[in-house]
Amino acid sequence: MVLDYEPGDKVINPSNKDWGIGQVQSILKEIVTVNFENVGKKVINITKVELKKY
C-alpha cells in the first residue's frame, strides 16, 4: 500500500466532513493518527476509512 500523504499534511475525511480539516500526526503501516479541528485526535485504519488531501 502506498500512501500519498505524510506527517504534517492536511486531510479531510469525506465521510465525516463535519470533523473539519485534520493534520496527519503519525503513520504506522495502515494506522494514521490525525488531529481534526472539530473532533480532536482520531486513530484511523486507512484500509477502512478514506482520507483525502486538503
PDB file of N, CA and C in Angstrom:
ATOM      1  N   MET A   1       0.851  -1.189   0.000  1.00  0.00           N
ATOM      2  CA  MET A   1       0.000   0.000   0.000  1.00  0.00           C
ATOM      3  C   MET A   1       0.887   1.240   0.000  1.00  0.00           C
ATOM      4  N   VAL A   2       0.611   2.161  -0.898  1.00  0.00           N
ATOM      5  CA  VAL A   2       1.375   3.394  -0.979  1.00  0.00           C
ATOM      6  C   VAL A   2       0.480   4.534  -0.536  1.00  0.00           C
ATOM      7  N   LEU A   3       0.947   5.273   0.462  1.00  0.00           N
ATOM      8  CA  LEU A   3       0.179   6.409   0.956  1.00  0.00           C
ATOM      9  C   LEU A   3       0.618   7.673   0.237  1.00  0.00           C
ATOM     10  N   ASP A   4      -0.328   8.545  -0.064  1.00  0.00           N
ATOM     11  CA  ASP A   4       0.027   9.784  -0.741  1.00  0.00           C
ATOM     12  C   ASP A   4       0.087  10.962   0.217  1.00  0.00           C
ATOM     13  N   TYR A   5       0.245  10.691   1.511  1.00  0.00           N
ATOM     14  CA  TYR A   5       0.413  11.755   2.495  1.00  0.00           C
ATOM     15  C   TYR A   5       1.414  11.337   3.552  1.00  0.00           C
ATOM     16  N   GLU A   6       1.865  12.331   4.301  1.00  0.00           N
ATOM     17  CA  GLU A   6       2.874  12.109   5.327  1.00  0.00           C
ATOM     18  C   GLU A   6       2.598  13.040   6.503  1.00  0.00           C
ATOM     19  N   PRO A   7       3.267  12.837   7.634  1.00  0.00           N
ATOM     20  CA  PRO A   7       3.019  13.702   8.796  1.00  0.00           C
ATOM     21  C   PRO A   7       3.148  15.182   8.427  1.00  0.00           C
ATOM     22  N   GLY A   8       2.185  15.963   8.914  1.00  0.00           N
ATOM     23  CA  GLY A   8       2.145  17.394   8.627  1.00  0.00           C
ATOM     24  C   GLY A   8       1.155  17.763   7.540  1.00  0.00           C
ATOM     25  N   ASP A   9       0.794  16.796   6.691  1.00  0.00           N
ATOM     26  CA  ASP A   9      -0.162  17.077   5.612  1.00  0.00           C
ATOM     27  C   ASP A   9      -1.553  17.338   6.175  1.00  0.00           C
ATOM     28  N   LYS A  10      -2.306  18.179   5.482  1.00  0.00           N
ATOM     29  CA  LYS A  10      -3.696  18.465   5.831  1.00  0.00           C
ATOM     30  C   LYS A  10      -4.594  17.503   5.060  1.00  0.00           C
ATOM     31  N   VAL A  11      -5.586  16.935   5.755  1.00  0.00           N
ATOM     32  CA  VAL A  11      -6.504  15.977   5.138  1.00  0.00           C
ATOM     33  C   VAL A  11      -7.933  16.245   5.598  1.00  0.00           C
ATOM     34  N   ILE A  12      -8.883  15.658   4.875  1.00  0.00           N
ATOM     35  CA  ILE A  12     -10.279  15.640   5.304  1.00  0.00           C
ATOM     36  C   ILE A  12     -10.775  14.209   5.205  1.00  0.00           C
ATOM     37  N   ASN A  13     -11.813  13.912   5.957  1.00  0.00           N
ATOM     38  CA  ASN A  13     -12.496  12.623   5.855  1.00  0.00           C
ATOM     39  C   ASN A  13     -13.796  12.893   5.103  1.00  0.00           C
ATOM     40  N   PRO A  14     -13.883  12.503   3.820  1.00  0.00           N
ATOM     41  CA  PRO A  14     -15.075  12.802   3.025  1.00  0.00           C
ATOM     42  C   PRO A  14     -16.369  12.257   3.628  1.00  0.00           C
ATOM     43  N   SER A  15     -16.287  11.193   4.412  1.00  0.00           N
ATOM     44  CA  SER A  15     -17.484  10.624   5.033  1.00  0.00           C
ATOM     45  C   SER A  15     -17.932  11.402   6.257  1.00  0.00           C
ATOM     46  N   ASN A  16     -17.033  12.204   6.823  1.00  0.00           N
ATOM     47  CA  ASN A  16     -17.327  12.985   8.038  1.00  0.00           C
ATOM     48  C   ASN A  16     -16.766  14.394   7.879  1.00  0.00           C
ATOM     49  N   LYS A  17     -17.304  15.138   6.917  1.00  0.00           N
ATOM     50  CA  LYS A  17     -16.786  16.477   6.630  1.00  0.00           C
ATOM     51  C   LYS A  17     -16.929  17.423   7.819  1.00  0.00           C
ATOM     52  N   ASP A  18     -17.878  17.126   8.724  1.00  0.00           N
ATOM     53  CA  ASP A  18     -18.061  17.981   9.899  1.00  0.00           C
ATOM     54  C   ASP A  18     -16.892  17.875  10.879  1.00  0.00           C
ATOM     55  N   TRP A  19     -15.998  16.889  10.689  1.00  0.00           N
ATOM     56  CA  TRP A  19     -14.794  16.804  11.526  1.00  0.00           C
ATOM     57  C   TRP A  19     -13.860  17.972  11.242  1.00  0.00           C
ATOM     58  N   GLY A  20     -13.988  18.563  10.058  1.00  0.00           N
ATOM     59  CA  GLY A  20     -13.123  19.674   9.670  1.00  0.00           C
ATOM     60  C   GLY A  20     -11.825  19.184   9.065  1.00  0.00           C
ATOM     61  N   ILE A  21     -10.888  20.111   8.966  1.00  0.00           N
ATOM     62  CA  ILE A  21      -9.576  19.810   8.404  1.00  0.00           C
ATOM     63  C   ILE A  21      -8.730  19.152   9.481  1.00  0.00           C
ATOM     64  N   GLY A  22      -8.000  18.119   9.086  1.00  0.00           N
ATOM     65  CA  GLY A  22      -7.120  17.437  10.023  1.00  0.00           C
ATOM     66  C   GLY A  22      -5.679  17.510   9.581  1.00  0.00           C
ATOM     67  N   GLN A  23      -4.781  17.406  10.553  1.00  0.00           N
ATOM     68  CA  GLN A  23      -3.355  17.351  10.249  1.00  0.00           C
ATOM     69  C   GLN A  23      -2.831  15.978  10.643  1.00  0.00           C
ATOM     70  N   VAL A  24      -2.180  15.307   9.681  1.00  0.00           N
ATOM     71  CA  VAL A  24      -1.620  13.982   9.945  1.00  0.00           C
ATOM     72  C   VAL A  24      -0.518  14.115  10.993  1.00  0.00           C
ATOM     73  N   GLN A  25      -0.632  13.337  12.072  1.00  0.00           N
ATOM     74  CA  GLN A  25       0.353  13.359  13.148  1.00  0.00           C
ATOM     75  C   GLN A  25       1.378  12.244  12.990  1.00  0.00           C
ATOM     76  N   SER A  26       0.892  11.033  12.674  1.00  0.00           N
ATOM     77  CA  SER A  26       1.800   9.902  12.518  1.00  0.00           C
ATOM     78  C   SER A  26       1.169   8.851  11.626  1.00  0.00           C
ATOM     79  N   ILE A  27       2.033   8.019  11.044  1.00  0.00           N
ATOM     80  CA  ILE A  27       1.603   6.920  10.196  1.00  0.00           C
ATOM     81  C   ILE A  27       2.402   5.691  10.600  1.00  0.00           C
ATOM     82  N   LEU A  28       1.695   4.613  10.914  1.00  0.00           N
ATOM     83  CA  LEU A  28       2.338   3.348  11.253  1.00  0.00           C
ATOM     84  C   LEU A  28       1.608   2.255  10.485  1.00  0.00           C
ATOM     85  N   LYS A  29       2.217   1.831   9.371  1.00  0.00           N
ATOM     86  CA  LYS A  29       1.595   0.883   8.440  1.00  0.00           C
ATOM     87  C   LYS A  29       0.265   1.452   7.961  1.00  0.00           C
ATOM     88  N   GLU A  30      -0.872   0.807   8.257  1.00  0.00           N
ATOM     89  CA  GLU A  30      -2.159   1.331   7.780  1.00  0.00           C
ATOM     90  C   GLU A  30      -2.890   2.162   8.829  1.00  0.00           C
ATOM     91  N   ILE A  31      -2.243   2.445   9.951  1.00  0.00           N
ATOM     92  CA  ILE A  31      -2.850   3.240  11.016  1.00  0.00           C
ATOM     93  C   ILE A  31      -2.324   4.671  10.951  1.00  0.00           C
ATOM     94  N   VAL A  32      -3.242   5.618  10.774  1.00  0.00           N
ATOM     95  CA  VAL A  32      -2.886   7.028  10.669  1.00  0.00           C
ATOM     96  C   VAL A  32      -3.544   7.783  11.811  1.00  0.00           C
ATOM     97  N   THR A  33      -2.762   8.572  12.533  1.00  0.00           N
ATOM     98  CA  THR A  33      -3.293   9.424  13.592  1.00  0.00           C
ATOM     99  C   THR A  33      -3.423  10.832  13.031  1.00  0.00           C
ATOM    100  N   VAL A  34      -4.648  11.372  13.138  1.00  0.00           N
ATOM    101  CA  VAL A  34      -4.944  12.688  12.584  1.00  0.00           C
ATOM    102  C   VAL A  34      -5.582  13.542  13.666  1.00  0.00           C
ATOM    103  N   ASN A  35      -5.148  14.793  13.775  1.00  0.00           N
ATOM    104  CA  ASN A  35      -5.748  15.738  14.710  1.00  0.00           C
ATOM    105  C   ASN A  35      -6.694  16.642  13.914  1.00  0.00           C
ATOM    106  N   PHE A  36      -8.011  16.433  14.085  1.00  0.00           N
ATOM    107  CA  PHE A  36      -9.021  17.208  13.363  1.00  0.00           C
ATOM    108  C   PHE A  36      -9.430  18.429  14.179  1.00  0.00           C
ATOM    109  N   GLU A  37      -9.745  19.528  13.470  1.00  0.00           N
ATOM    110  CA  GLU A  37     -10.046  20.787  14.141  1.00  0.00           C
ATOM    111  C   GLU A  37     -11.323  20.744  14.979  1.00  0.00           C
ATOM    112  N   ASN A  38     -12.316  19.933  14.584  1.00  0.00           N
ATOM    113  CA  ASN A  38     -13.595  19.934  15.303  1.00  0.00           C
ATOM    114  C   ASN A  38     -13.792  18.766  16.268  1.00  0.00           C
ATOM    115  N   VAL A  39     -13.031  17.681  16.104  1.00  0.00           N
ATOM    116  CA  VAL A  39     -13.249  16.496  16.943  1.00  0.00           C
ATOM    117  C   VAL A  39     -11.977  15.992  17.623  1.00  0.00           C
ATOM    118  N   GLY A  40     -10.867  16.670  17.394  1.00  0.00           N
ATOM    119  CA  GLY A  40      -9.630  16.262  18.041  1.00  0.00           C
ATOM    120  C   GLY A  40      -8.955  15.081  17.357  1.00  0.00           C
ATOM    121  N   LYS A  41      -8.205  14.317  18.142  1.00  0.00           N
ATOM    122  CA  LYS A  41      -7.385  13.234  17.602  1.00  0.00           C
ATOM    123  C   LYS A  41      -8.219  12.005  17.276  1.00  0.00           C
ATOM    124  N   LYS A  42      -7.986  11.474  16.084  1.00  0.00           N
ATOM    125  CA  LYS A  42      -8.620  10.227  15.649  1.00  0.00           C
ATOM    126  C   LYS A  42      -7.537   9.288  15.142  1.00  0.00           C
ATOM    127  N   VAL A  43      -7.645   8.023  15.521  1.00  0.00           N
ATOM    128  CA  VAL A  43      -6.748   6.984  15.017  1.00  0.00           C
ATOM    129  C   VAL A  43      -7.534   6.216  13.965  1.00  0.00           C
ATOM    130  N   ILE A  44      -7.056   6.259  12.731  1.00  0.00           N
ATOM    131  CA  ILE A  44      -7.824   5.782  11.586  1.00  0.00           C
ATOM    132  C   ILE A  44      -7.086   4.658  10.877  1.00  0.00           C
ATOM    133  N   ASN A  45      -7.810   3.581  10.596  1.00  0.00           N
ATOM    134  CA  ASN A  45      -7.287   2.498   9.766  1.00  0.00           C
ATOM    135  C   ASN A  45      -7.643   2.847   8.326  1.00  0.00           C
ATOM    136  N   ILE A  46      -6.647   3.184   7.535  1.00  0.00           N
ATOM    137  CA  ILE A  46      -6.940   3.670   6.186  1.00  0.00           C
ATOM    138  C   ILE A  46      -7.367   2.581   5.214  1.00  0.00           C
ATOM    139  N   THR A  47      -7.364   1.326   5.657  1.00  0.00           N
ATOM    140  CA  THR A  47      -7.944   0.290   4.817  1.00  0.00           C
ATOM    141  C   THR A  47      -9.463   0.295   4.942  1.00  0.00           C
ATOM    142  N   LYS A  48      -9.990   0.999   5.955  1.00  0.00           N
ATOM    143  CA  LYS A  48     -11.433   1.059   6.194  1.00  0.00           C
ATOM    144  C   LYS A  48     -12.018   2.451   6.029  1.00  0.00           C
ATOM    145  N   VAL A  49     -11.196   3.489   6.213  1.00  0.00           N
ATOM    146  CA  VAL A  49     -11.665   4.875   6.139  1.00  0.00           C
ATOM    147  C   VAL A  49     -10.804   5.635   5.138  1.00  0.00           C
ATOM    148  N   GLU A  50     -11.458   6.348   4.230  1.00  0.00           N
ATOM    149  CA  GLU A  50     -10.739   7.108   3.213  1.00  0.00           C
ATOM    150  C   GLU A  50     -10.393   8.497   3.735  1.00  0.00           C
ATOM    151  N   LEU A  51      -9.174   8.928   3.488  1.00  0.00           N
ATOM    152  CA  LEU A  51      -8.763  10.300   3.757  1.00  0.00           C
ATOM    153  C   LEU A  51      -8.351  10.934   2.434  1.00  0.00           C
ATOM    154  N   LYS A  52      -8.637  12.224   2.285  1.00  0.00           N
ATOM    155  CA  LYS A  52      -8.236  12.952   1.073  1.00  0.00           C
ATOM    156  C   LYS A  52      -7.380  14.127   1.487  1.00  0.00           C
ATOM    157  N   LYS A  53      -6.357  14.409   0.682  1.00  0.00           N
ATOM    158  CA  LYS A  53      -5.540  15.582   0.939  1.00  0.00           C
ATOM    159  C   LYS A  53      -6.391  16.834   0.784  1.00  0.00           C
ATOM    160  N   TYR A  54      -6.115  17.813   1.625  1.00  0.00           N
ATOM    161  CA  TYR A  54      -6.880  19.058   1.595  1.00  0.00           C
ATOM    162  C   TYR A  54      -6.104  20.097   0.821  1.00  0.00           C
TER     163      TYR A  54
END
